[in-house]
Amino acid sequence: AKRMTAYTPDREDWIWFFVLPLLSYAAIFGAACAMLVAPPSALFIVAGASALLIFIGIRDAWDVVTFLATRR
């Protein structure tokens, strides 16, 4: 069996650890800019982006724990 010596991120890791958080923070920034124009809609965007960040954090923590538990 091939022994893994270092962690190498694949496409899924790039999406979950970098792309989705970046999109969430961009949505929060966009909502902050839109707060003067449409406050109710902007607050819904902030709520959705915050929920997405919580979900991403839970998934990423689970991914790290699984990686460490299955590594020999």
Foldseek 3Di string as FASTA:
>chain_A
DDADDDDDDDPVCCCLVPVLLVVLVVQLVVLVVCCVPDVVVSVVSPVVSVVSVVVSVVVVVVVVVVVVVPHD
